[in-house]
């Protein structure tokens, strides 16, 4: 998915770059835009297992989006946040299994995995299952995978 060198295969809204082999987003403070997105050009991800090594700054808000259309409709987002009740959750769908545990301190690398098979989605943070969720709608359409950097100041 990411070749570690450049943004080949990705749609960039202008706030993403590659630094030292890592994807980086910096939405400057004072920017009028609320969020920045990087999405795959490939749009046929339906059932998949994606693994990303990520980090987020204190107060940062990010996520891994999947199963969404061109307008972001019906998306599912695995949260990447420095907040214990949110990291590894599915935004608006499922909270973490152990929300009181501080799974990830800010500014430290961790591994986020998302496994989507049919209507079941499993999220792992550093190998620990944080969510196992079945979509009651049965929605399993294919789409791109995207990364969000929400709000100015998120890195």
N, C-alpha and C. Protein backbone atom coordinates (compact mmCIF):
# COMPACT_ATOMS: atom_id res chain seq x y z
N UNK A 1 0.83 -1.17 0.00
CA UNK A 1 0.00 0.00 0.00
C UNK A 1 0.89 1.26 0.00
N UNK A 2 1.75 1.42 1.00
CA UNK A 2 2.69 2.54 1.05
C UNK A 2 4.07 2.00 0.78
N UNK A 3 4.77 2.60 -0.20
CA UNK A 3 6.07 2.07 -0.61
C UNK A 3 7.24 2.60 0.23
N UNK A 4 6.98 3.50 1.18
CA UNK A 4 8.03 4.01 2.05
C UNK A 4 8.89 5.08 1.42
N UNK A 5 8.59 5.46 0.15
CA UNK A 5 9.42 6.45 -0.55
C UNK A 5 8.67 7.70 -0.98
N UNK A 6 7.45 7.49 -1.52
CA UNK A 6 6.70 8.63 -2.04
C UNK A 6 5.21 8.32 -1.99
N UNK A 7 4.40 9.21 -2.52
CA UNK A 7 2.94 9.06 -2.43
C UNK A 7 2.33 8.42 -3.67
N UNK A 8 3.12 7.64 -4.40
CA UNK A 8 2.60 6.91 -5.54
C UNK A 8 1.47 5.99 -5.07
N UNK A 9 0.32 6.04 -5.76
CA UNK A 9 -0.82 5.21 -5.40
C UNK A 9 -1.77 5.85 -4.40
N UNK A 10 -1.50 7.10 -4.05
CA UNK A 10 -2.33 7.82 -3.07
C UNK A 10 -2.87 9.11 -3.65
N UNK A 11 -4.05 9.51 -3.20
CA UNK A 11 -4.63 10.83 -3.52
C UNK A 11 -4.35 11.73 -2.33
N UNK A 12 -3.66 12.83 -2.59
CA UNK A 12 -3.19 13.73 -1.53
C UNK A 12 -3.90 15.07 -1.64
N UNK A 13 -4.45 15.55 -0.55
CA UNK A 13 -5.11 16.86 -0.59
C UNK A 13 -4.14 18.01 -0.36
N UNK A 14 -2.85 17.71 -0.33
CA UNK A 14 -1.83 18.75 -0.25
C UNK A 14 -1.15 18.90 1.10
N UNK A 15 -1.61 18.21 2.12
CA UNK A 15 -1.03 18.36 3.45
C UNK A 15 -0.22 17.14 3.88
N UNK A 16 -0.01 16.19 2.97
CA UNK A 16 0.70 14.97 3.31
C UNK A 16 2.03 14.93 2.56
N UNK A 17 3.03 14.34 3.21
CA UNK A 17 4.34 14.17 2.59
C UNK A 17 4.99 12.91 3.16
N UNK A 18 6.15 12.58 2.62
CA UNK A 18 6.93 11.45 3.13
C UNK A 18 8.21 12.02 3.72
N UNK A 19 8.47 11.69 4.99
CA UNK A 19 9.69 12.12 5.67
C UNK A 19 10.33 10.90 6.32
N UNK A 20 11.57 10.64 5.96
CA UNK A 20 12.32 9.51 6.53
C UNK A 20 11.53 8.21 6.46
N UNK A 21 10.85 7.97 5.33
CA UNK A 21 10.13 6.73 5.12
C UNK A 21 8.77 6.65 5.79
N UNK A 22 8.29 7.76 6.35
CA UNK A 22 6.99 7.78 7.03
C UNK A 22 6.04 8.77 6.38
N UNK A 23 4.75 8.44 6.39
CA UNK A 23 3.72 9.38 5.96
C UNK A 23 3.54 10.42 7.05
N UNK A 24 3.52 11.69 6.68
CA UNK A 24 3.40 12.77 7.65
C UNK A 24 2.35 13.75 7.16
N UNK A 25 1.49 14.20 8.08
CA UNK A 25 0.52 15.25 7.77
C UNK A 25 0.70 16.37 8.78
N UNK A 26 0.73 17.56 8.26
CA UNK A 26 0.77 18.74 9.13
C UNK A 26 -0.25 19.73 8.61
N UNK A 27 -1.32 19.88 9.34
CA UNK A 27 -2.35 20.86 9.01
C UNK A 27 -2.05 22.07 9.89
N UNK A 28 -1.53 23.14 9.30
CA UNK A 28 -1.07 24.28 10.12
C UNK A 28 -2.18 24.87 10.98
N UNK A 29 -1.80 25.28 12.19
CA UNK A 29 -2.76 25.99 13.06
C UNK A 29 -3.19 27.25 12.33
N UNK A 30 -4.46 27.57 12.44
CA UNK A 30 -5.00 28.72 11.74
C UNK A 30 -5.53 28.38 10.36
N UNK A 31 -5.27 27.15 9.90
CA UNK A 31 -5.79 26.69 8.61
C UNK A 31 -7.31 26.63 8.71
N UNK A 32 -8.00 27.07 7.69
CA UNK A 32 -9.46 27.06 7.71
C UNK A 32 -10.03 25.66 7.58
N UNK A 33 -9.27 24.78 6.97
CA UNK A 33 -9.73 23.41 6.75
C UNK A 33 -9.71 22.65 8.08
N UNK A 34 -10.74 21.83 8.32
CA UNK A 34 -10.81 21.05 9.57
C UNK A 34 -9.99 19.78 9.53
N UNK A 35 -9.93 19.11 8.38
CA UNK A 35 -9.28 17.81 8.28
C UNK A 35 -8.52 17.70 6.98
N UNK A 36 -7.54 16.80 6.99
CA UNK A 36 -6.77 16.50 5.80
C UNK A 36 -6.86 14.99 5.56
N UNK A 37 -7.02 14.60 4.30
CA UNK A 37 -7.18 13.18 3.97
C UNK A 37 -6.16 12.73 2.94
N UNK A 38 -5.68 11.52 3.12
CA UNK A 38 -4.85 10.83 2.15
C UNK A 38 -5.56 9.52 1.87
N UNK A 39 -5.94 9.26 0.62
CA UNK A 39 -6.69 8.04 0.30
C UNK A 39 -5.99 7.26 -0.80
N UNK A 40 -6.19 5.97 -0.77
CA UNK A 40 -5.60 5.13 -1.82
C UNK A 40 -6.30 5.39 -3.14
N UNK A 41 -5.53 5.31 -4.22
CA UNK A 41 -6.13 5.38 -5.55
C UNK A 41 -6.92 4.10 -5.82
N UNK A 42 -6.46 3.02 -5.27
CA UNK A 42 -7.15 1.74 -5.41
C UNK A 42 -8.46 1.81 -4.62
N UNK A 43 -9.54 1.34 -5.21
CA UNK A 43 -10.86 1.48 -4.58
C UNK A 43 -11.60 0.16 -4.40
N UNK A 44 -10.87 -0.94 -4.41
CA UNK A 44 -11.55 -2.25 -4.33
C UNK A 44 -11.28 -2.99 -3.02
N UNK A 45 -10.93 -2.27 -1.97
CA UNK A 45 -10.71 -2.91 -0.67
C UNK A 45 -12.06 -3.24 -0.02
N UNK A 46 -12.34 -4.51 0.14
CA UNK A 46 -13.58 -4.96 0.78
C UNK A 46 -13.22 -5.77 2.02
N UNK A 47 -12.62 -6.90 1.83
CA UNK A 47 -12.11 -7.72 2.93
C UNK A 47 -10.59 -7.57 2.91
N UNK A 48 -10.01 -7.23 4.06
CA UNK A 48 -8.58 -6.95 4.09
C UNK A 48 -8.05 -7.03 5.52
N UNK A 49 -6.74 -7.06 5.62
CA UNK A 49 -6.02 -6.94 6.89
C UNK A 49 -4.94 -5.89 6.64
N UNK A 50 -5.09 -4.74 7.25
CA UNK A 50 -4.10 -3.68 7.08
C UNK A 50 -3.39 -3.44 8.41
N UNK A 51 -2.09 -3.25 8.31
CA UNK A 51 -1.27 -3.01 9.50
C UNK A 51 -0.49 -1.71 9.26
N UNK A 52 -0.55 -0.82 10.23
CA UNK A 52 0.17 0.45 10.12
C UNK A 52 0.88 0.74 11.43
N UNK A 53 2.11 1.20 11.33
CA UNK A 53 2.85 1.65 12.50
C UNK A 53 2.68 3.17 12.52
N UNK A 54 2.06 3.68 13.58
CA UNK A 54 1.64 5.08 13.62
C UNK A 54 2.02 5.73 14.96
N UNK A 55 1.99 7.06 14.97
CA UNK A 55 2.07 7.79 16.23
C UNK A 55 1.27 9.08 16.06
N UNK A 56 0.84 9.62 17.18
CA UNK A 56 0.01 10.83 17.19
C UNK A 56 0.49 11.72 18.33
N UNK A 57 0.47 13.02 18.09
CA UNK A 57 0.89 13.96 19.12
C UNK A 57 -0.19 14.12 20.18
N UNK A 58 0.18 14.68 21.33
CA UNK A 58 -0.79 14.93 22.41
C UNK A 58 -1.88 15.84 21.87
N UNK A 59 -3.11 15.46 22.07
CA UNK A 59 -4.24 16.24 21.58
C UNK A 59 -4.56 16.01 20.13
N UNK A 60 -3.77 15.19 19.44
CA UNK A 60 -4.00 14.92 18.03
C UNK A 60 -5.19 14.01 17.80
N UNK A 61 -5.72 14.06 16.61
CA UNK A 61 -6.90 13.26 16.24
C UNK A 61 -6.71 12.80 14.81
N UNK A 62 -6.71 11.49 14.62
CA UNK A 62 -6.51 10.91 13.30
C UNK A 62 -7.30 9.62 13.23
N UNK A 63 -7.30 9.02 12.07
CA UNK A 63 -8.00 7.76 11.93
C UNK A 63 -7.72 7.09 10.60
N UNK A 64 -8.00 5.81 10.56
CA UNK A 64 -7.89 5.01 9.35
C UNK A 64 -9.32 4.73 8.88
N UNK A 65 -9.67 5.26 7.69
CA UNK A 65 -11.02 5.13 7.15
C UNK A 65 -11.08 3.99 6.14
N UNK A 66 -12.22 3.32 6.09
CA UNK A 66 -12.42 2.29 5.07
C UNK A 66 -13.91 2.11 4.84
N UNK A 67 -14.21 1.39 3.74
CA UNK A 67 -15.60 1.16 3.32
C UNK A 67 -16.38 2.47 3.20
N UNK A 68 -15.84 3.38 2.40
CA UNK A 68 -16.53 4.64 2.17
C UNK A 68 -16.56 4.96 0.68
N UNK A 69 -17.57 5.72 0.27
CA UNK A 69 -17.71 6.14 -1.11
C UNK A 69 -16.98 7.44 -1.37
N UNK A 70 -17.20 8.00 -2.53
CA UNK A 70 -16.52 9.22 -2.94
C UNK A 70 -16.77 10.38 -1.99
N UNK A 71 -17.92 10.45 -1.38
CA UNK A 71 -18.26 11.56 -0.50
C UNK A 71 -18.01 11.22 0.97
N UNK A 72 -17.34 10.10 1.26
CA UNK A 72 -17.08 9.71 2.63
C UNK A 72 -18.28 9.10 3.32
N UNK A 73 -19.33 8.80 2.54
CA UNK A 73 -20.55 8.25 3.12
C UNK A 73 -20.33 6.84 3.65
N UNK A 74 -21.02 6.53 4.73
CA UNK A 74 -21.02 5.19 5.33
C UNK A 74 -19.63 4.70 5.71
N UNK A 75 -18.71 5.60 5.99
CA UNK A 75 -17.36 5.17 6.31
C UNK A 75 -17.28 4.59 7.71
N UNK A 76 -16.26 3.77 7.89
CA UNK A 76 -15.91 3.25 9.20
C UNK A 76 -14.52 3.80 9.49
N UNK A 77 -14.27 4.25 10.71
CA UNK A 77 -12.99 4.84 11.06
C UNK A 77 -12.43 4.20 12.31
N UNK A 78 -11.22 3.63 12.19
CA UNK A 78 -10.48 3.15 13.35
C UNK A 78 -9.69 4.35 13.88
N UNK A 79 -9.95 4.72 15.13
CA UNK A 79 -9.38 5.93 15.71
C UNK A 79 -7.89 5.79 16.04
N UNK A 80 -7.16 6.85 15.74
CA UNK A 80 -5.76 6.99 16.14
C UNK A 80 -5.72 8.26 16.97
N UNK A 81 -5.74 8.11 18.28
CA UNK A 81 -5.77 9.27 19.17
C UNK A 81 -4.91 8.99 20.39
N UNK A 82 -4.48 10.05 21.04
CA UNK A 82 -3.72 9.90 22.27
C UNK A 82 -4.65 9.95 23.48
N UNK A 83 -5.85 9.44 23.32
CA UNK A 83 -6.83 9.39 24.41
C UNK A 83 -7.19 7.94 24.68
N UNK A 84 -7.09 7.48 25.92
CA UNK A 84 -7.27 6.06 26.22
C UNK A 84 -8.64 5.51 25.86
N UNK A 85 -9.67 6.32 25.87
CA UNK A 85 -11.01 5.82 25.56
C UNK A 85 -11.26 5.76 24.07
N UNK A 86 -10.33 6.26 23.26
CA UNK A 86 -10.60 6.35 21.84
C UNK A 86 -9.66 5.54 20.96
N UNK A 87 -8.38 5.46 21.28
CA UNK A 87 -7.45 4.79 20.39
C UNK A 87 -7.88 3.35 20.18
N UNK A 88 -7.99 2.96 18.92
CA UNK A 88 -8.42 1.61 18.59
C UNK A 88 -9.91 1.41 18.57
N UNK A 89 -10.69 2.47 18.79
CA UNK A 89 -12.15 2.35 18.71
C UNK A 89 -12.60 2.55 17.27
N UNK A 90 -13.87 2.28 17.01
CA UNK A 90 -14.47 2.56 15.71
C UNK A 90 -15.41 3.74 15.90
N UNK A 91 -15.06 4.87 15.36
CA UNK A 91 -15.84 6.09 15.54
C UNK A 91 -17.30 5.87 15.19
N UNK A 92 -18.18 6.23 16.11
CA UNK A 92 -19.64 6.12 15.98
C UNK A 92 -20.13 4.67 15.87
N UNK A 93 -19.27 3.69 16.05
CA UNK A 93 -19.71 2.30 15.91
C UNK A 93 -19.41 1.45 17.14
N UNK A 94 -18.18 1.51 17.66
CA UNK A 94 -17.82 0.63 18.77
C UNK A 94 -16.70 1.26 19.59
N UNK A 95 -16.84 1.21 20.91
CA UNK A 95 -15.80 1.70 21.80
C UNK A 95 -14.80 0.59 22.08
N UNK A 96 -13.68 0.96 22.67
CA UNK A 96 -12.65 -0.04 22.95
C UNK A 96 -13.13 -0.98 24.05
N UNK A 97 -12.58 -2.19 24.05
CA UNK A 97 -12.95 -3.21 25.02
C UNK A 97 -12.57 -2.78 26.43
N UNK A 98 -11.39 -2.18 26.60
CA UNK A 98 -10.91 -1.74 27.90
C UNK A 98 -10.66 -0.23 27.84
N UNK A 99 -11.71 0.60 27.89
CA UNK A 99 -11.52 2.03 27.68
C UNK A 99 -10.72 2.74 28.75
N UNK A 100 -10.56 2.16 29.93
CA UNK A 100 -9.81 2.85 30.97
C UNK A 100 -8.30 2.63 30.85
N UNK A 101 -7.89 1.67 30.06
CA UNK A 101 -6.46 1.39 29.90
C UNK A 101 -5.81 2.44 29.00
N UNK A 102 -4.66 2.91 29.38
CA UNK A 102 -3.93 3.85 28.52
C UNK A 102 -3.10 3.01 27.57
N UNK A 103 -3.66 2.74 26.41
CA UNK A 103 -3.01 1.84 25.48
C UNK A 103 -1.78 2.46 24.82
N UNK A 104 -1.86 3.76 24.52
CA UNK A 104 -0.80 4.39 23.75
C UNK A 104 -0.51 5.79 24.28
N UNK A 105 0.71 6.05 24.75
CA UNK A 105 1.06 7.41 25.14
C UNK A 105 1.27 8.27 23.89
N UNK A 106 1.08 9.59 24.00
CA UNK A 106 1.32 10.47 22.86
C UNK A 106 2.77 10.39 22.39
N UNK A 107 2.97 10.63 21.10
CA UNK A 107 4.30 10.71 20.48
C UNK A 107 5.10 9.42 20.56
N UNK A 108 4.42 8.28 20.73
CA UNK A 108 5.10 6.98 20.70
C UNK A 108 4.51 6.13 19.58
N UNK A 109 5.38 5.43 18.88
CA UNK A 109 4.94 4.57 17.78
C UNK A 109 4.17 3.39 18.33
N UNK A 110 3.12 3.00 17.64
CA UNK A 110 2.37 1.78 17.97
C UNK A 110 1.84 1.18 16.68
N UNK A 111 1.45 -0.08 16.77
CA UNK A 111 0.92 -0.78 15.60
C UNK A 111 -0.60 -0.84 15.69
N UNK A 112 -1.25 -0.36 14.64
CA UNK A 112 -2.70 -0.42 14.52
C UNK A 112 -3.02 -1.40 13.40
N UNK A 113 -3.87 -2.37 13.71
CA UNK A 113 -4.30 -3.33 12.69
C UNK A 113 -5.81 -3.29 12.58
N UNK A 114 -6.29 -3.37 11.35
CA UNK A 114 -7.72 -3.47 11.08
C UNK A 114 -7.93 -4.69 10.20
N UNK A 115 -8.80 -5.57 10.65
CA UNK A 115 -9.15 -6.77 9.88
C UNK A 115 -10.64 -6.67 9.57
N UNK A 116 -10.96 -6.59 8.29
CA UNK A 116 -12.35 -6.50 7.85
C UNK A 116 -12.67 -7.73 7.01
N UNK A 117 -13.60 -8.53 7.49
CA UNK A 117 -14.03 -9.74 6.79
C UNK A 117 -15.54 -9.78 6.83
N UNK A 118 -16.18 -9.61 5.67
CA UNK A 118 -17.63 -9.55 5.65
C UNK A 118 -18.10 -8.39 6.49
N UNK A 119 -19.07 -8.63 7.35
CA UNK A 119 -19.59 -7.54 8.19
C UNK A 119 -18.85 -7.43 9.53
N UNK A 120 -17.81 -8.24 9.73
CA UNK A 120 -17.05 -8.21 10.99
C UNK A 120 -15.79 -7.37 10.83
N UNK A 121 -15.54 -6.53 11.83
CA UNK A 121 -14.34 -5.70 11.87
C UNK A 121 -13.65 -5.90 13.21
N UNK A 122 -12.36 -6.20 13.17
CA UNK A 122 -11.55 -6.35 14.38
C UNK A 122 -10.44 -5.31 14.32
N UNK A 123 -10.20 -4.64 15.44
CA UNK A 123 -9.12 -3.66 15.55
C UNK A 123 -8.18 -4.13 16.65
N UNK A 124 -6.88 -4.05 16.37
CA UNK A 124 -5.86 -4.39 17.35
C UNK A 124 -4.89 -3.23 17.50
N UNK A 125 -4.48 -2.96 18.73
CA UNK A 125 -3.46 -1.97 19.03
C UNK A 125 -2.32 -2.71 19.71
N UNK A 126 -1.15 -2.70 19.06
CA UNK A 126 0.02 -3.44 19.56
C UNK A 126 -0.34 -4.89 19.87
N UNK A 127 -1.14 -5.50 19.01
CA UNK A 127 -1.52 -6.90 19.15
C UNK A 127 -2.67 -7.16 20.10
N UNK A 128 -3.12 -6.15 20.83
CA UNK A 128 -4.23 -6.30 21.78
C UNK A 128 -5.53 -5.93 21.08
N UNK A 129 -6.49 -6.85 21.09
CA UNK A 129 -7.78 -6.57 20.47
C UNK A 129 -8.50 -5.48 21.24
N UNK A 130 -8.86 -4.41 20.54
CA UNK A 130 -9.58 -3.31 21.17
C UNK A 130 -11.05 -3.32 20.77
N UNK A 131 -11.36 -3.86 19.60
CA UNK A 131 -12.74 -3.90 19.11
C UNK A 131 -12.94 -5.15 18.27
N UNK A 132 -14.08 -5.79 18.47
CA UNK A 132 -14.59 -6.82 17.57
C UNK A 132 -16.05 -6.46 17.36
N UNK A 133 -16.40 -6.05 16.14
CA UNK A 133 -17.71 -5.46 15.87
C UNK A 133 -18.31 -6.08 14.62
N UNK A 134 -19.60 -6.35 14.68
CA UNK A 134 -20.35 -6.83 13.51
C UNK A 134 -21.26 -5.70 13.07
N UNK A 135 -21.13 -5.29 11.82
CA UNK A 135 -21.96 -4.23 11.27
C UNK A 135 -23.38 -4.76 11.11
N UNK A 136 -24.35 -4.23 11.87
CA UNK A 136 -25.71 -4.75 11.79
C UNK A 136 -26.37 -4.50 10.44
N UNK A 137 -25.84 -3.54 9.68
CA UNK A 137 -26.42 -3.28 8.35
C UNK A 137 -25.95 -4.29 7.33
N UNK A 138 -24.88 -5.02 7.65
CA UNK A 138 -24.32 -5.98 6.70
C UNK A 138 -23.58 -5.31 5.56
N UNK A 139 -23.31 -4.01 5.68
CA UNK A 139 -22.63 -3.27 4.62
C UNK A 139 -21.21 -3.77 4.46
N UNK A 140 -20.90 -4.23 3.26
CA UNK A 140 -19.55 -4.73 3.01
C UNK A 140 -19.02 -4.25 1.68
N UNK A 141 -19.46 -3.06 1.24
CA UNK A 141 -19.02 -2.60 -0.07
C UNK A 141 -17.54 -2.26 -0.08
N UNK A 142 -16.97 -2.30 -1.27
CA UNK A 142 -15.55 -2.01 -1.45
C UNK A 142 -15.33 -0.51 -1.57
N UNK A 143 -14.11 -0.10 -1.31
CA UNK A 143 -13.75 1.31 -1.45
C UNK A 143 -12.28 1.50 -1.16
N UNK A 144 -11.84 2.74 -1.18
CA UNK A 144 -10.45 3.03 -0.85
C UNK A 144 -10.21 2.93 0.66
N UNK A 145 -8.97 3.02 1.05
CA UNK A 145 -8.59 3.14 2.45
C UNK A 145 -7.99 4.53 2.59
N UNK A 146 -8.34 5.23 3.65
CA UNK A 146 -7.87 6.60 3.82
C UNK A 146 -7.34 6.85 5.21
N UNK A 147 -6.50 7.86 5.30
CA UNK A 147 -5.96 8.30 6.58
C UNK A 147 -6.37 9.75 6.76
N UNK A 148 -6.86 10.06 7.94
CA UNK A 148 -7.28 11.43 8.24
C UNK A 148 -6.35 12.05 9.27
N UNK A 149 -6.08 13.31 9.08
CA UNK A 149 -5.45 14.13 10.10
C UNK A 149 -6.47 15.21 10.43
N UNK A 150 -7.08 15.10 11.59
CA UNK A 150 -8.19 15.99 11.93
C UNK A 150 -7.69 17.18 12.73
N UNK A 151 -8.14 18.33 12.39
CA UNK A 151 -7.93 19.57 13.12
C UNK A 151 -6.49 20.08 13.00
N UNK A 152 -6.35 21.37 12.83
CA UNK A 152 -5.02 21.98 12.80
C UNK A 152 -4.24 21.65 14.07
N UNK A 153 -2.96 21.38 13.90
CA UNK A 153 -2.10 21.03 15.03
C UNK A 153 -1.91 19.54 15.20
N UNK A 154 -2.71 18.71 14.51
CA UNK A 154 -2.52 17.26 14.58
C UNK A 154 -1.30 16.87 13.75
N UNK A 155 -0.43 16.08 14.33
CA UNK A 155 0.73 15.54 13.61
C UNK A 155 0.85 14.07 13.89
